[in-house]
Amino acid sequence: MDDDHPGVTALIIIGIIALVGLGGFAIHACAVADKATLGRVEQDVDTHNFERSEAYRAGLRRDFDELELAYARAKSRDERETIFSVMRHRAEGCPPDLVPDDVKQLLAKGVTDP
């Protein structure tokens, strides 16, 4: 390029910067759109697979066992109500088929006195 036209060089540089910025924006927009559509499907599949994993089921069962043990060892009605409330909250937060039958029976009975 000639040194006689410094304005042309500046315009070319500005154009390149604008194209790079527009390209970056387009890539970002595509990533956001992907996350909003396919990302949700992928997350649902990941969640489903996690909930079906042996580690999740074993951990869930262990949590319910610990809550049942704490409930049985509770010394006051207030303590039992607190543990019962946590147990009910956990049961409502997981798929119903993963809640153990003994926990379902305990939740159906309600809080009992020690």
PDB file of N, CA and C in Angstrom:
ATOM      1  N   MET A   1       0.840  -1.187   0.000  1.00  0.00           N
ATOM      2  CA  MET A   1       0.000   0.000   0.000  1.00  0.00           C
ATOM      3  C   MET A   1       0.872   1.232   0.000  1.00  0.00           C
ATOM      4  N   ASP A   2       0.316   2.265  -0.497  1.00  0.00           N
ATOM      5  CA  ASP A   2       1.049   3.534  -0.570  1.00  0.00           C
ATOM      6  C   ASP A   2       0.966   4.254   0.753  1.00  0.00           C
ATOM      7  N   ASP A   3       2.001   5.006   1.019  1.00  0.00           N
ATOM      8  CA  ASP A   3       1.951   5.869   2.187  1.00  0.00           C
ATOM      9  C   ASP A   3       1.157   7.129   1.879  1.00  0.00           C
ATOM     10  N   ASP A   4       0.752   7.267   0.615  1.00  0.00           N
ATOM     11  CA  ASP A   4      -0.018   8.441   0.199  1.00  0.00           C
ATOM     12  C   ASP A   4      -1.466   8.370   0.692  1.00  0.00           C
ATOM     13  N   HIS A   5      -1.926   7.162   1.068  1.00  0.00           N
ATOM     14  CA  HIS A   5      -3.331   7.011   1.467  1.00  0.00           C
ATOM     15  C   HIS A   5      -3.437   6.377   2.863  1.00  0.00           C
ATOM     16  N   PRO A   6      -3.037   7.096   3.907  1.00  0.00           N
ATOM     17  CA  PRO A   6      -3.125   6.524   5.256  1.00  0.00           C
ATOM     18  C   PRO A   6      -4.568   6.265   5.690  1.00  0.00           C
ATOM     19  N   GLY A   7      -5.519   6.973   5.126  1.00  0.00           N
ATOM     20  CA  GLY A   7      -6.929   6.781   5.472  1.00  0.00           C
ATOM     21  C   GLY A   7      -7.430   5.415   5.021  1.00  0.00           C
ATOM     22  N   VAL A   8      -6.936   4.918   3.891  1.00  0.00           N
ATOM     23  CA  VAL A   8      -7.355   3.611   3.391  1.00  0.00           C
ATOM     24  C   VAL A   8      -6.849   2.507   4.330  1.00  0.00           C
ATOM     25  N   THR A   9      -5.623   2.628   4.772  1.00  0.00           N
ATOM     26  CA  THR A   9      -5.055   1.656   5.708  1.00  0.00           C
ATOM     27  C   THR A   9      -5.860   1.638   7.005  1.00  0.00           C
ATOM     28  N   ALA A  10      -6.221   2.781   7.503  1.00  0.00           N
ATOM     29  CA  ALA A  10      -7.017   2.879   8.729  1.00  0.00           C
ATOM     30  C   ALA A  10      -8.387   2.241   8.524  1.00  0.00           C
ATOM     31  N   LEU A  11      -9.002   2.466   7.377  1.00  0.00           N
ATOM     32  CA  LEU A  11     -10.315   1.873   7.094  1.00  0.00           C
ATOM     33  C   LEU A  11     -10.226   0.350   7.006  1.00  0.00           C
ATOM     34  N   ILE A  12      -9.163  -0.143   6.408  1.00  0.00           N
ATOM     35  CA  ILE A  12      -8.980  -1.588   6.316  1.00  0.00           C
ATOM     36  C   ILE A  12      -8.819  -2.182   7.727  1.00  0.00           C
ATOM     37  N   ILE A  13      -8.039  -1.558   8.566  1.00  0.00           N
ATOM     38  CA  ILE A  13      -7.833  -2.035   9.937  1.00  0.00           C
ATOM     39  C   ILE A  13      -9.149  -1.992  10.717  1.00  0.00           C
ATOM     40  N   ILE A  14      -9.888  -0.921  10.580  1.00  0.00           N
ATOM     41  CA  ILE A  14     -11.189  -0.799  11.258  1.00  0.00           C
ATOM     42  C   ILE A  14     -12.144  -1.874  10.751  1.00  0.00           C
ATOM     43  N   GLY A  15     -12.134  -2.128   9.445  1.00  0.00           N
ATOM     44  CA  GLY A  15     -12.988  -3.169   8.870  1.00  0.00           C
ATOM     45  C   GLY A  15     -12.644  -4.547   9.409  1.00  0.00           C
ATOM     46  N   ILE A  16     -11.351  -4.837   9.511  1.00  0.00           N
ATOM     47  CA  ILE A  16     -10.922  -6.131  10.040  1.00  0.00           C
ATOM     48  C   ILE A  16     -11.351  -6.273  11.504  1.00  0.00           C
ATOM     49  N   ILE A  17     -11.168  -5.231  12.286  1.00  0.00           N
ATOM     50  CA  ILE A  17     -11.579  -5.258  13.697  1.00  0.00           C
ATOM     51  C   ILE A  17     -13.089  -5.463  13.809  1.00  0.00           C
ATOM     52  N   ALA A  18     -13.846  -4.789  12.948  1.00  0.00           N
ATOM     53  CA  ALA A  18     -15.307  -4.937  12.966  1.00  0.00           C
ATOM     54  C   ALA A  18     -15.707  -6.362  12.602  1.00  0.00           C
ATOM     55  N   LEU A  19     -15.068  -6.956  11.611  1.00  0.00           N
ATOM     56  CA  LEU A  19     -15.382  -8.333  11.213  1.00  0.00           C
ATOM     57  C   LEU A  19     -15.048  -9.326  12.325  1.00  0.00           C
ATOM     58  N   VAL A  20     -13.902  -9.131  12.973  1.00  0.00           N
ATOM     59  CA  VAL A  20     -13.530 -10.011  14.081  1.00  0.00           C
ATOM     60  C   VAL A  20     -14.550  -9.886  15.223  1.00  0.00           C
ATOM     61  N   GLY A  21     -14.958  -8.663  15.533  1.00  0.00           N
ATOM     62  CA  GLY A  21     -15.952  -8.445  16.581  1.00  0.00           C
ATOM     63  C   GLY A  21     -17.290  -9.064  16.222  1.00  0.00           C
ATOM     64  N   LEU A  22     -17.710  -8.904  14.977  1.00  0.00           N
ATOM     65  CA  LEU A  22     -18.967  -9.485  14.517  1.00  0.00           C
ATOM     66  C   LEU A  22     -18.893 -11.010  14.545  1.00  0.00           C
ATOM     67  N   GLY A  23     -17.749 -11.557  14.154  1.00  0.00           N
ATOM     68  CA  GLY A  23     -17.565 -13.007  14.203  1.00  0.00           C
ATOM     69  C   GLY A  23     -17.632 -13.526  15.633  1.00  0.00           C
ATOM     70  N   GLY A  24     -17.008 -12.834  16.561  1.00  0.00           N
ATOM     71  CA  GLY A  24     -17.057 -13.221  17.972  1.00  0.00           C
ATOM     72  C   GLY A  24     -18.470 -13.178  18.517  1.00  0.00           C
ATOM     73  N   PHE A  25     -19.220 -12.137  18.137  1.00  0.00           N
ATOM     74  CA  PHE A  25     -20.610 -12.029  18.569  1.00  0.00           C
ATOM     75  C   PHE A  25     -21.434 -13.176  17.998  1.00  0.00           C
ATOM     76  N   ALA A  26     -21.209 -13.514  16.720  1.00  0.00           N
ATOM     77  CA  ALA A  26     -21.955 -14.605  16.089  1.00  0.00           C
ATOM     78  C   ALA A  26     -21.653 -15.936  16.780  1.00  0.00           C
ATOM     79  N   ILE A  27     -20.408 -16.178  17.126  1.00  0.00           N
ATOM     80  CA  ILE A  27     -20.038 -17.415  17.815  1.00  0.00           C
ATOM     81  C   ILE A  27     -20.704 -17.469  19.185  1.00  0.00           C
ATOM     82  N   HIS A  28     -20.687 -16.351  19.884  1.00  0.00           N
ATOM     83  CA  HIS A  28     -21.338 -16.291  21.200  1.00  0.00           C
ATOM     84  C   HIS A  28     -22.843 -16.540  21.070  1.00  0.00           C
ATOM     85  N   ALA A  29     -23.475 -15.937  20.079  1.00  0.00           N
ATOM     86  CA  ALA A  29     -24.918 -16.110  19.876  1.00  0.00           C
ATOM     87  C   ALA A  29     -25.243 -17.573  19.578  1.00  0.00           C
ATOM     88  N   CYS A  30     -24.410 -18.224  18.784  1.00  0.00           N
ATOM     89  CA  CYS A  30     -24.628 -19.647  18.480  1.00  0.00           C
ATOM     90  C   CYS A  30     -24.467 -20.504  19.732  1.00  0.00           C
ATOM     91  N   ALA A  31     -23.497 -20.174  20.562  1.00  0.00           N
ATOM     92  CA  ALA A  31     -23.279 -20.927  21.800  1.00  0.00           C
ATOM     93  C   ALA A  31     -24.469 -20.774  22.741  1.00  0.00           C
ATOM     94  N   VAL A  32     -25.006 -19.571  22.838  1.00  0.00           N
ATOM     95  CA  VAL A  32     -26.173 -19.328  23.701  1.00  0.00           C
ATOM     96  C   VAL A  32     -27.386 -20.087  23.165  1.00  0.00           C
ATOM     97  N   ALA A  33     -27.581 -20.043  21.851  1.00  0.00           N
ATOM     98  CA  ALA A  33     -28.709 -20.758  21.250  1.00  0.00           C
ATOM     99  C   ALA A  33     -28.566 -22.258  21.447  1.00  0.00           C
ATOM    100  N   ASP A  34     -27.363 -22.777  21.318  1.00  0.00           N
ATOM    101  CA  ASP A  34     -27.123 -24.206  21.518  1.00  0.00           C
ATOM    102  C   ASP A  34     -27.424 -24.606  22.953  1.00  0.00           C
ATOM    103  N   LYS A  35     -26.971 -23.794  23.885  1.00  0.00           N
ATOM    104  CA  LYS A  35     -27.193 -24.100  25.297  1.00  0.00           C
ATOM    105  C   LYS A  35     -28.683 -24.047  25.636  1.00  0.00           C
ATOM    106  N   ALA A  36     -29.423 -23.142  24.982  1.00  0.00           N
ATOM    107  CA  ALA A  36     -30.846 -22.995  25.272  1.00  0.00           C
ATOM    108  C   ALA A  36     -31.674 -24.124  24.668  1.00  0.00           C
ATOM    109  N   THR A  37     -31.177 -24.770  23.629  1.00  0.00           N
ATOM    110  CA  THR A  37     -31.957 -25.824  22.984  1.00  0.00           C
ATOM    111  C   THR A  37     -31.356 -27.196  23.262  1.00  0.00           C
ATOM    112  N   LEU A  38     -30.249 -27.493  22.649  1.00  0.00           N
ATOM    113  CA  LEU A  38     -29.620 -28.798  22.826  1.00  0.00           C
ATOM    114  C   LEU A  38     -29.059 -28.975  24.229  1.00  0.00           C
ATOM    115  N   GLY A  39     -28.630 -27.892  24.841  1.00  0.00           N
ATOM    116  CA  GLY A  39     -28.075 -27.971  26.188  1.00  0.00           C
ATOM    117  C   GLY A  39     -29.076 -28.508  27.186  1.00  0.00           C
ATOM    118  N   ARG A  40     -30.340 -28.120  27.043  1.00  0.00           N
ATOM    119  CA  ARG A  40     -31.372 -28.610  27.961  1.00  0.00           C
ATOM    120  C   ARG A  40     -31.587 -30.107  27.784  1.00  0.00           C
ATOM    121  N   VAL A  41     -31.602 -30.541  26.546  1.00  0.00           N
ATOM    122  CA  VAL A  41     -31.782 -31.966  26.274  1.00  0.00           C
ATOM    123  C   VAL A  41     -30.618 -32.758  26.861  1.00  0.00           C
ATOM    124  N   GLU A  42     -29.406 -32.275  26.645  1.00  0.00           N
ATOM    125  CA  GLU A  42     -28.229 -32.951  27.186  1.00  0.00           C
ATOM    126  C   GLU A  42     -28.279 -32.987  28.710  1.00  0.00           C
ATOM    127  N   GLN A  43     -28.705 -31.896  29.319  1.00  0.00           N
ATOM    128  CA  GLN A  43     -28.788 -31.854  30.779  1.00  0.00           C
ATOM    129  C   GLN A  43     -29.842 -32.836  31.283  1.00  0.00           C
ATOM    130  N   ASP A  44     -30.972 -32.922  30.605  1.00  0.00           N
ATOM    131  CA  ASP A  44     -32.013 -33.868  31.002  1.00  0.00           C
ATOM    132  C   ASP A  44     -31.507 -35.311  30.908  1.00  0.00           C
ATOM    133  N   VAL A  45     -30.776 -35.603  29.847  1.00  0.00           N
ATOM    134  CA  VAL A  45     -30.214 -36.946  29.683  1.00  0.00           C
ATOM    135  C   VAL A  45     -29.196 -37.226  30.782  1.00  0.00           C
ATOM    136  N   ASP A  46     -28.339 -36.261  31.063  1.00  0.00           N
ATOM    137  CA  ASP A  46     -27.339 -36.431  32.131  1.00  0.00           C
ATOM    138  C   ASP A  46     -28.019 -36.662  33.479  1.00  0.00           C
ATOM    139  N   THR A  47     -29.064 -35.889  33.763  1.00  0.00           N
ATOM    140  CA  THR A  47     -29.796 -36.040  35.022  1.00  0.00           C
ATOM    141  C   THR A  47     -30.437 -37.417  35.103  1.00  0.00           C
ATOM    142  N   HIS A  48     -31.062 -37.849  34.015  1.00  0.00           N
ATOM    143  CA  HIS A  48     -31.701 -39.166  33.977  1.00  0.00           C
ATOM    144  C   HIS A  48     -30.666 -40.269  34.220  1.00  0.00           C
ATOM    145  N   ASN A  49     -29.534 -40.178  33.539  1.00  0.00           N
ATOM    146  CA  ASN A  49     -28.481 -41.182  33.709  1.00  0.00           C
ATOM    147  C   ASN A  49     -27.940 -41.176  35.131  1.00  0.00           C
ATOM    148  N   PHE A  50     -27.764 -39.989  35.707  1.00  0.00           N
ATOM    149  CA  PHE A  50     -27.261 -39.890  37.078  1.00  0.00           C
ATOM    150  C   PHE A  50     -28.240 -40.527  38.057  1.00  0.00           C
ATOM    151  N   GLU A  51     -29.535 -40.239  37.895  1.00  0.00           N
ATOM    152  CA  GLU A  51     -30.536 -40.783  38.806  1.00  0.00           C
ATOM    153  C   GLU A  51     -30.651 -42.302  38.681  1.00  0.00           C
ATOM    154  N   ARG A  52     -30.265 -42.841  37.570  1.00  0.00           N
ATOM    155  CA  ARG A  52     -30.307 -44.289  37.370  1.00  0.00           C
ATOM    156  C   ARG A  52     -28.995 -44.970  37.758  1.00  0.00           C
ATOM    157  N   SER A  53     -27.985 -44.184  38.116  1.00  0.00           N
ATOM    158  CA  SER A  53     -26.682 -44.773  38.440  1.00  0.00           C
ATOM    159  C   SER A  53     -26.736 -45.471  39.795  1.00  0.00           C
ATOM    160  N   GLU A  54     -25.920 -46.492  39.926  1.00  0.00           N
ATOM    161  CA  GLU A  54     -25.846 -47.258  41.167  1.00  0.00           C
ATOM    162  C   GLU A  54     -25.350 -46.384  42.326  1.00  0.00           C
ATOM    163  N   ALA A  55     -24.397 -45.499  42.035  1.00  0.00           N
ATOM    164  CA  ALA A  55     -23.845 -44.630  43.084  1.00  0.00           C
ATOM    165  C   ALA A  55     -24.918 -43.701  43.649  1.00  0.00           C
ATOM    166  N   TYR A  56     -25.751 -43.137  42.782  1.00  0.00           N
ATOM    167  CA  TYR A  56     -26.817 -42.242  43.239  1.00  0.00           C
ATOM    168  C   TYR A  56     -27.820 -43.011  44.089  1.00  0.00           C
ATOM    169  N   ARG A  57     -28.231 -44.174  43.605  1.00  0.00           N
ATOM    170  CA  ARG A  57     -29.217 -44.969  44.331  1.00  0.00           C
ATOM    171  C   ARG A  57     -28.679 -45.425  45.692  1.00  0.00           C
ATOM    172  N   ALA A  58     -27.419 -45.847  45.723  1.00  0.00           N
ATOM    173  CA  ALA A  58     -26.820 -46.283  46.988  1.00  0.00           C
ATOM    174  C   ALA A  58     -26.695 -45.105  47.955  1.00  0.00           C
ATOM    175  N   GLY A  59     -26.299 -43.961  47.456  1.00  0.00           N
ATOM    176  CA  GLY A  59     -26.183 -42.780  48.303  1.00  0.00           C
ATOM    177  C   GLY A  59     -27.527 -42.330  48.839  1.00  0.00           C
ATOM    178  N   LEU A  60     -28.543 -42.391  47.984  1.00  0.00           N
ATOM    179  CA  LEU A  60     -29.888 -42.013  48.401  1.00  0.00           C
ATOM    180  C   LEU A  60     -30.389 -42.963  49.488  1.00  0.00           C
ATOM    181  N   ARG A  61     -30.167 -44.243  49.271  1.00  0.00           N
ATOM    182  CA  ARG A  61     -30.591 -45.238  50.264  1.00  0.00           C
ATOM    183  C   ARG A  61     -29.864 -45.011  51.594  1.00  0.00           C
ATOM    184  N   ARG A  62     -28.562 -44.716  51.526  1.00  0.00           N
ATOM    185  CA  ARG A  62     -27.773 -44.457  52.745  1.00  0.00           C
ATOM    186  C   ARG A  62     -28.316 -43.221  53.472  1.00  0.00           C
ATOM    187  N   ASP A  63     -28.648 -42.183  52.730  1.00  0.00           N
ATOM    188  CA  ASP A  63     -29.209 -40.970  53.347  1.00  0.00           C
ATOM    189  C   ASP A  63     -30.518 -41.284  54.069  1.00  0.00           C
ATOM    190  N   PHE A  64     -31.389 -42.042  53.400  1.00  0.00           N
ATOM    191  CA  PHE A  64     -32.666 -42.393  54.036  1.00  0.00           C
ATOM    192  C   PHE A  64     -32.453 -43.292  55.256  1.00  0.00           C
ATOM    193  N   ASP A  65     -31.489 -44.214  55.163  1.00  0.00           N
ATOM    194  CA  ASP A  65     -31.188 -45.070  56.316  1.00  0.00           C
ATOM    195  C   ASP A  65     -30.714 -44.235  57.504  1.00  0.00           C
ATOM    196  N   GLU A  66     -29.848 -43.261  57.247  1.00  0.00           N
ATOM    197  CA  GLU A  66     -29.340 -42.394  58.316  1.00  0.00           C
ATOM    198  C   GLU A  66     -30.470 -41.564  58.929  1.00  0.00           C
ATOM    199  N   LEU A  67     -31.379 -41.086  58.083  1.00  0.00           N
ATOM    200  CA  LEU A  67     -32.512 -40.316  58.604  1.00  0.00           C
ATOM    201  C   LEU A  67     -33.437 -41.197  59.438  1.00  0.00           C
ATOM    202  N   GLU A  68     -33.682 -42.424  58.973  1.00  0.00           N
ATOM    203  CA  GLU A  68     -34.520 -43.338  59.749  1.00  0.00           C
ATOM    204  C   GLU A  68     -33.883 -43.665  61.099  1.00  0.00           C
ATOM    205  N   LEU A  69     -32.588 -43.875  61.103  1.00  0.00           N
ATOM    206  CA  LEU A  69     -31.878 -44.163  62.354  1.00  0.00           C
ATOM    207  C   LEU A  69     -31.945 -42.963  63.296  1.00  0.00           C
ATOM    208  N   ALA A  70     -31.728 -41.776  62.769  1.00  0.00           N
ATOM    209  CA  ALA A  70     -31.812 -40.566  63.592  1.00  0.00           C
ATOM    210  C   ALA A  70     -33.227 -40.387  64.133  1.00  0.00           C
ATOM    211  N   TYR A  71     -34.227 -40.703  63.311  1.00  0.00           N
ATOM    212  CA  TYR A  71     -35.624 -40.601  63.735  1.00  0.00           C
ATOM    213  C   TYR A  71     -35.890 -41.580  64.882  1.00  0.00           C
ATOM    214  N   ALA A  72     -35.388 -42.800  64.754  1.00  0.00           N
ATOM    215  CA  ALA A  72     -35.607 -43.810  65.796  1.00  0.00           C
ATOM    216  C   ALA A  72     -34.892 -43.438  67.093  1.00  0.00           C
ATOM    217  N   ARG A  73     -33.758 -42.765  66.987  1.00  0.00           N
ATOM    218  CA  ARG A  73     -32.978 -42.386  68.172  1.00  0.00           C
ATOM    219  C   ARG A  73     -33.416 -41.054  68.788  1.00  0.00           C
ATOM    220  N   ALA A  74     -34.286 -40.334  68.132  1.00  0.00           N
ATOM    221  CA  ALA A  74     -34.702 -39.014  68.620  1.00  0.00           C
ATOM    222  C   ALA A  74     -35.320 -39.133  70.008  1.00  0.00           C
ATOM    223  N   LYS A  75     -34.988 -38.182  70.847  1.00  0.00           N
ATOM    224  CA  LYS A  75     -35.430 -38.237  72.239  1.00  0.00           C
ATOM    225  C   LYS A  75     -36.654 -37.373  72.538  1.00  0.00           C
ATOM    226  N   SER A  76     -36.981 -36.481  71.606  1.00  0.00           N
ATOM    227  CA  SER A  76     -38.146 -35.626  71.845  1.00  0.00           C
ATOM    228  C   SER A  76     -39.003 -35.543  70.583  1.00  0.00           C
ATOM    229  N   ARG A  77     -40.227 -35.110  70.781  1.00  0.00           N
ATOM    230  CA  ARG A  77     -41.141 -34.961  69.644  1.00  0.00           C
ATOM    231  C   ARG A  77     -40.616 -33.895  68.680  1.00  0.00           C
ATOM    232  N   ASP A  78     -40.068 -32.799  69.204  1.00  0.00           N
ATOM    233  CA  ASP A  78     -39.521 -31.744  68.337  1.00  0.00           C
ATOM    234  C   ASP A  78     -38.404 -32.284  67.446  1.00  0.00           C
ATOM    235  N   GLU A  79     -37.545 -33.101  68.040  1.00  0.00           N
ATOM    236  CA  GLU A  79     -36.438 -33.687  67.272  1.00  0.00           C
ATOM    237  C   GLU A  79     -36.987 -34.612  66.175  1.00  0.00           C
ATOM    238  N   ARG A  80     -37.987 -35.412  66.520  1.00  0.00           N
ATOM    239  CA  ARG A  80     -38.603 -36.311  65.535  1.00  0.00           C
ATOM    240  C   ARG A  80     -39.271 -35.512  64.415  1.00  0.00           C
ATOM    241  N   GLU A  81     -39.963 -34.440  64.775  1.00  0.00           N
ATOM    242  CA  GLU A  81     -40.628 -33.622  63.756  1.00  0.00           C
ATOM    243  C   GLU A  81     -39.614 -33.000  62.800  1.00  0.00           C
ATOM    244  N   THR A  82     -38.488 -32.574  63.338  1.00  0.00           N
ATOM    245  CA  THR A  82     -37.444 -31.975  62.500  1.00  0.00           C
ATOM    246  C   THR A  82     -36.883 -33.008  61.531  1.00  0.00           C
ATOM    247  N   ILE A  83     -36.557 -34.175  62.035  1.00  0.00           N
ATOM    248  CA  ILE A  83     -36.007 -35.235  61.181  1.00  0.00           C
ATOM    249  C   ILE A  83     -37.054 -35.693  60.172  1.00  0.00           C
ATOM    250  N   PHE A  84     -38.290 -35.808  60.614  1.00  0.00           N
ATOM    251  CA  PHE A  84     -39.376 -36.199  59.721  1.00  0.00           C
ATOM    252  C   PHE A  84     -39.533 -35.190  58.586  1.00  0.00           C
ATOM    253  N   SER A  85     -39.428 -33.927  58.925  1.00  0.00           N
ATOM    254  CA  SER A  85     -39.541 -32.871  57.920  1.00  0.00           C
ATOM    255  C   SER A  85     -38.428 -32.965  56.881  1.00  0.00           C
ATOM    256  N   VAL A  86     -37.204 -33.233  57.327  1.00  0.00           N
ATOM    257  CA  VAL A  86     -36.076 -33.394  56.399  1.00  0.00           C
ATOM    258  C   VAL A  86     -36.315 -34.618  55.517  1.00  0.00           C
ATOM    259  N   MET A  87     -36.772 -35.697  56.114  1.00  0.00           N
ATOM    260  CA  MET A  87     -37.027 -36.929  55.361  1.00  0.00           C
ATOM    261  C   MET A  87     -38.109 -36.694  54.294  1.00  0.00           C
ATOM    262  N   ARG A  88     -39.162 -36.005  54.675  1.00  0.00           N
ATOM    263  CA  ARG A  88     -40.242 -35.714  53.723  1.00  0.00           C
ATOM    264  C   ARG A  88     -39.729 -34.829  52.585  1.00  0.00           C
ATOM    265  N   HIS A  89     -38.918 -33.842  52.933  1.00  0.00           N
ATOM    266  CA  HIS A  89     -38.352 -32.943  51.915  1.00  0.00           C
ATOM    267  C   HIS A  89     -37.469 -33.723  50.932  1.00  0.00           C
ATOM    268  N   ARG A  90     -36.641 -34.614  51.439  1.00  0.00           N
ATOM    269  CA  ARG A  90     -35.774 -35.424  50.571  1.00  0.00           C
ATOM    270  C   ARG A  90     -36.609 -36.346  49.684  1.00  0.00           C
ATOM    271  N   ALA A  91     -37.653 -36.917  50.239  1.00  0.00           N
ATOM    272  CA  ALA A  91     -38.502 -37.831  49.473  1.00  0.00           C
ATOM    273  C   ALA A  91     -39.234 -37.088  48.354  1.00  0.00           C
ATOM    274  N   GLU A  92     -39.636 -35.855  48.634  1.00  0.00           N
ATOM    275  CA  GLU A  92     -40.319 -35.068  47.611  1.00  0.00           C
ATOM    276  C   GLU A  92     -39.358 -34.594  46.519  1.00  0.00           C
ATOM    277  N   GLY A  93     -38.062 -34.545  46.838  1.00  0.00           N
ATOM    278  CA  GLY A  93     -37.077 -34.045  45.893  1.00  0.00           C
ATOM    279  C   GLY A  93     -36.481 -35.099  44.987  1.00  0.00           C
ATOM    280  N   CYS A  94     -36.865 -36.348  45.170  1.00  0.00           N
ATOM    281  CA  CYS A  94     -36.308 -37.394  44.301  1.00  0.00           C
ATOM    282  C   CYS A  94     -37.470 -38.146  43.638  1.00  0.00           C
ATOM    283  N   PRO A  95     -37.176 -38.862  42.571  1.00  0.00           N
ATOM    284  CA  PRO A  95     -38.236 -39.612  41.890  1.00  0.00           C
ATOM    285  C   PRO A  95     -38.910 -40.596  42.851  1.00  0.00           C
ATOM    286  N   PRO A  96     -40.238 -40.693  42.807  1.00  0.00           N
ATOM    287  CA  PRO A  96     -40.972 -41.544  43.755  1.00  0.00           C
ATOM    288  C   PRO A  96     -40.534 -43.011  43.748  1.00  0.00           C
ATOM    289  N   ASP A  97     -40.116 -43.515  42.600  1.00  0.00           N
ATOM    290  CA  ASP A  97     -39.705 -44.917  42.549  1.00  0.00           C
ATOM    291  C   ASP A  97     -38.373 -45.162  43.258  1.00  0.00           C
ATOM    292  N   LEU A  98     -37.668 -44.107  43.626  1.00  0.00           N
ATOM    293  CA  LEU A  98     -36.393 -44.254  44.333  1.00  0.00           C
ATOM    294  C   LEU A  98     -36.531 -44.104  45.842  1.00  0.00           C
ATOM    295  N   VAL A  99     -37.728 -43.745  46.306  1.00  0.00           N
ATOM    296  CA  VAL A  99     -37.954 -43.637  47.751  1.00  0.00           C
ATOM    297  C   VAL A  99     -38.229 -45.049  48.273  1.00  0.00           C
ATOM    298  N   PRO A 100     -37.437 -45.517  49.238  1.00  0.00           N
ATOM    299  CA  PRO A 100     -37.638 -46.871  49.770  1.00  0.00           C
ATOM    300  C   PRO A 100     -39.032 -47.035  50.382  1.00  0.00           C
ATOM    301  N   ASP A 101     -39.564 -48.257  50.294  1.00  0.00           N
ATOM    302  CA  ASP A 101     -40.914 -48.525  50.793  1.00  0.00           C
ATOM    303  C   ASP A 101     -41.041 -48.242  52.287  1.00  0.00           C
ATOM    304  N   ASP A 102     -40.017 -48.577  53.073  1.00  0.00           N
ATOM    305  CA  ASP A 102     -40.112 -48.329  54.511  1.00  0.00           C
ATOM    306  C   ASP A 102     -40.185 -46.837  54.813  1.00  0.00           C
ATOM    307  N   VAL A 103     -39.533 -46.027  54.002  1.00  0.00           N
ATOM    308  CA  VAL A 103     -39.603 -44.566  54.180  1.00  0.00           C
ATOM    309  C   VAL A 103     -41.004 -44.080  53.803  1.00  0.00           C
ATOM    310  N   LYS A 104     -41.554 -44.620  52.723  1.00  0.00           N
ATOM    311  CA  LYS A 104     -42.919 -44.245  52.320  1.00  0.00           C
ATOM    312  C   LYS A 104     -43.919 -44.582  53.423  1.00  0.00           C
ATOM    313  N   GLN A 105     -43.755 -45.766  54.045  1.00  0.00           N
ATOM    314  CA  GLN A 105     -44.646 -46.147  55.127  1.00  0.00           C
ATOM    315  C   GLN A 105     -44.505 -45.224  56.331  1.00  0.00           C
ATOM    316  N   LEU A 106     -43.274 -44.883  56.665  1.00  0.00           N
ATOM    317  CA  LEU A 106     -43.037 -43.966  57.785  1.00  0.00           C
ATOM    318  C   LEU A 106     -43.643 -42.597  57.494  1.00  0.00           C
ATOM    319  N   LEU A 107     -43.467 -42.115  56.286  1.00  0.00           N
ATOM    320  CA  LEU A 107     -44.042 -40.816  55.935  1.00  0.00           C
ATOM    321  C   LEU A 107     -45.565 -40.849  55.926  1.00  0.00           C
ATOM    322  N   ALA A 108     -46.131 -41.981  55.569  1.00  0.00           N
ATOM    323  CA  ALA A 108     -47.594 -42.124  55.559  1.00  0.00           C
ATOM    324  C   ALA A 108     -48.154 -42.117  56.988  1.00  0.00           C
ATOM    325  N   LYS A 109     -47.400 -42.694  57.942  1.00  0.00           N
ATOM    326  CA  LYS A 109     -47.849 -42.733  59.337  1.00  0.00           C
ATOM    327  C   LYS A 109     -47.797 -41.375  60.005  1.00  0.00           C
ATOM    328  N   GLY A 110     -46.786 -40.608  59.666  1.00  0.00           N
ATOM    329  CA  GLY A 110     -46.612 -39.310  60.321  1.00  0.00           C
ATOM    330  C   GLY A 110     -45.717 -39.429  61.540  1.00  0.00           C
ATOM    331  N   VAL A 111     -45.555 -38.326  62.215  1.00  0.00           N
ATOM    332  CA  VAL A 111     -44.671 -38.265  63.380  1.00  0.00           C
ATOM    333  C   VAL A 111     -45.340 -38.976  64.538  1.00  0.00           C
ATOM    334  N   THR A 112     -44.562 -39.837  65.205  1.00  0.00           N
ATOM    335  CA  THR A 112     -45.054 -40.534  66.395  1.00  0.00           C
ATOM    336  C   THR A 112     -44.248 -40.096  67.593  1.00  0.00           C
ATOM    337  N   ASP A 113     -44.812 -40.270  68.768  1.00  0.00           N
ATOM    338  CA  ASP A 113     -44.089 -39.911  70.000  1.00  0.00           C
ATOM    339  C   ASP A 113     -43.021 -40.949  70.288  1.00  0.00           C
ATOM    340  N   PRO A 114     -41.903 -40.488  70.885  1.00  0.00           N
ATOM    341  CA  PRO A 114     -40.825 -41.425  71.225  1.00  0.00           C
ATOM    342  C   PRO A 114     -41.229 -42.416  72.282  1.00  0.00           C
TER     343      PRO A 114
END
